[in-house]
């Protein structure tokens, strides 16, 4: 059985449609390169319906380059990133920096723009 692969993009994220007979797998690739397999789509008919709906709302065939990012894995890297990118005298930056610190504390890493 032959498997075909089709690509769809909304300009930020991408979807890969892998169709083999009546079995379909749809993989979403987010701008940071994180992938998610769509678990509600398992037939070619469901994949076609997803494709048609996405095109109706502005998606196009093709692929969008993913964002370049780097992973921060130490507090020193997080502190350096915050010092370089946030102005603590600005209205919202202290709260945004605190949110980043909380996110890092929760998972142990951060993906930030390169």
Protein backbone atom coordinates (compact mmCIF):
# COMPACT_ATOMS: atom_id res chain seq x y z
CA UNK A 1 0.00 0.00 0.00
CA UNK A 2 1.31 3.44 -0.95
CA UNK A 3 1.48 6.24 1.59
CA UNK A 4 1.07 9.82 0.42
CA UNK A 5 2.11 12.89 2.39
CA UNK A 6 0.54 16.31 1.96
CA UNK A 7 1.56 19.58 3.66
CA UNK A 8 -0.64 22.45 4.74
CA UNK A 9 0.30 25.72 6.47
CA UNK A 10 -1.35 28.75 8.01
CA UNK A 11 1.85 30.82 7.80
CA UNK A 12 2.96 29.95 11.33
CA UNK A 13 2.25 26.29 11.99
CA UNK A 14 2.19 23.31 9.65
CA UNK A 15 0.24 20.09 9.24
CA UNK A 16 1.43 16.87 7.66
CA UNK A 17 -1.24 14.53 6.33
CA UNK A 18 -0.07 10.94 5.90
CA UNK A 19 -2.65 8.85 4.08
CA UNK A 20 -2.30 5.13 3.52
CA UNK A 21 -5.43 3.58 2.06
CA UNK A 22 -8.26 4.66 4.35
CA UNK A 23 -5.98 5.26 7.34
CA UNK A 24 -4.86 8.83 8.01
CA UNK A 25 -2.49 10.43 10.46
CA UNK A 26 -2.44 14.20 10.82
CA UNK A 27 0.62 15.68 12.52
CA UNK A 28 0.59 19.30 13.60
CA UNK A 29 4.00 21.02 13.76
CA UNK A 30 3.87 24.20 15.81
CA UNK A 31 6.10 27.23 15.10
CA UNK A 32 8.64 26.11 17.72
CA UNK A 33 8.95 22.65 16.13
CA UNK A 34 6.81 20.85 18.70
CA UNK A 35 4.72 18.10 17.13
CA UNK A 36 1.29 16.81 18.04
CA UNK A 37 -0.44 13.87 16.40
CA UNK A 38 -4.10 14.63 15.90
CA UNK A 39 -5.83 11.80 17.72
CA UNK A 40 -9.37 12.49 16.48
CA UNK A 41 -8.47 11.87 12.82
CA UNK A 42 -7.96 8.28 11.80
CA UNK A 43 -9.63 7.91 8.41
CA UNK A 44 -8.89 9.43 5.03
CA UNK A 45 -12.42 10.90 4.95
CA UNK A 46 -11.83 12.73 8.25
CA UNK A 47 -8.47 14.01 6.98
CA UNK A 48 -10.10 15.30 3.77
CA UNK A 49 -12.74 17.12 5.82
CA UNK A 50 -10.00 18.66 8.04
CA UNK A 51 -8.06 19.70 4.89
CA UNK A 52 -11.12 21.31 3.27
CA UNK A 53 -12.04 23.20 6.44
CA UNK A 54 -8.47 24.45 6.93
CA UNK A 55 -8.31 25.68 3.32
CA UNK A 56 -11.68 27.39 3.75
CA UNK A 57 -10.19 29.39 6.64
CA UNK A 58 -7.03 30.48 4.84
CA UNK A 59 -4.51 27.64 5.04
CA UNK A 60 -2.52 26.95 1.90
CA UNK A 61 -0.64 23.98 0.55
CA UNK A 62 3.03 24.04 1.47
CA UNK A 63 5.30 24.49 4.45
CA UNK A 64 6.33 27.48 6.57
CA UNK A 65 9.83 27.64 8.02
CA UNK A 66 9.79 27.13 11.74
CA UNK A 67 10.96 29.76 14.20
CA UNK A 68 14.57 29.60 15.28
CA UNK A 69 14.81 29.08 19.00
CA UNK A 70 17.19 28.16 21.73
CA UNK A 71 16.52 26.24 24.89
CA UNK A 72 17.39 27.75 28.26
CA UNK A 73 18.20 25.04 30.81
CA UNK A 74 19.88 26.87 33.71
CA UNK A 75 18.89 29.74 35.98
CA UNK A 76 21.98 31.62 34.80
CA UNK A 77 20.71 31.46 31.20
CA UNK A 78 17.23 32.57 32.29
CA UNK A 79 18.61 35.50 34.29
CA UNK A 80 20.82 36.58 31.37
CA UNK A 81 17.88 36.35 28.95
CA UNK A 82 15.62 38.40 31.23
CA UNK A 83 18.29 41.06 31.77
CA UNK A 84 18.80 41.41 28.00
CA UNK A 85 15.12 41.39 26.99
CA UNK A 86 13.11 43.01 29.76
CA UNK A 87 13.11 46.59 31.08
CA UNK A 88 12.22 46.37 34.77
CA UNK A 89 11.20 50.04 34.73
CA UNK A 90 8.49 49.37 32.12
CA UNK A 91 4.89 48.77 33.17
CA UNK A 92 4.49 45.10 32.21
CA UNK A 93 8.01 43.72 31.95
CA UNK A 94 8.45 42.78 35.64
CA UNK A 95 5.29 40.64 35.54
CA UNK A 96 6.34 39.07 32.22
CA UNK A 97 9.78 38.24 33.63
CA UNK A 98 8.19 36.71 36.72
CA UNK A 99 5.92 34.59 34.52
CA UNK A 100 8.98 33.33 32.62
CA UNK A 101 10.70 32.45 35.88
CA UNK A 102 7.58 30.58 37.05
CA UNK A 103 7.41 28.69 33.76
CA UNK A 104 11.08 27.72 34.07
CA UNK A 105 10.59 26.68 37.68
CA UNK A 106 7.68 24.47 36.59
CA UNK A 107 9.36 22.59 33.75
CA UNK A 108 13.11 23.20 33.97
CA UNK A 109 13.57 24.71 30.52
CA UNK A 110 12.36 27.54 28.29
CA UNK A 111 12.24 27.86 24.53
CA UNK A 112 13.01 31.43 23.50
CA UNK A 113 13.57 33.11 20.14
CA UNK A 114 17.13 32.78 18.89
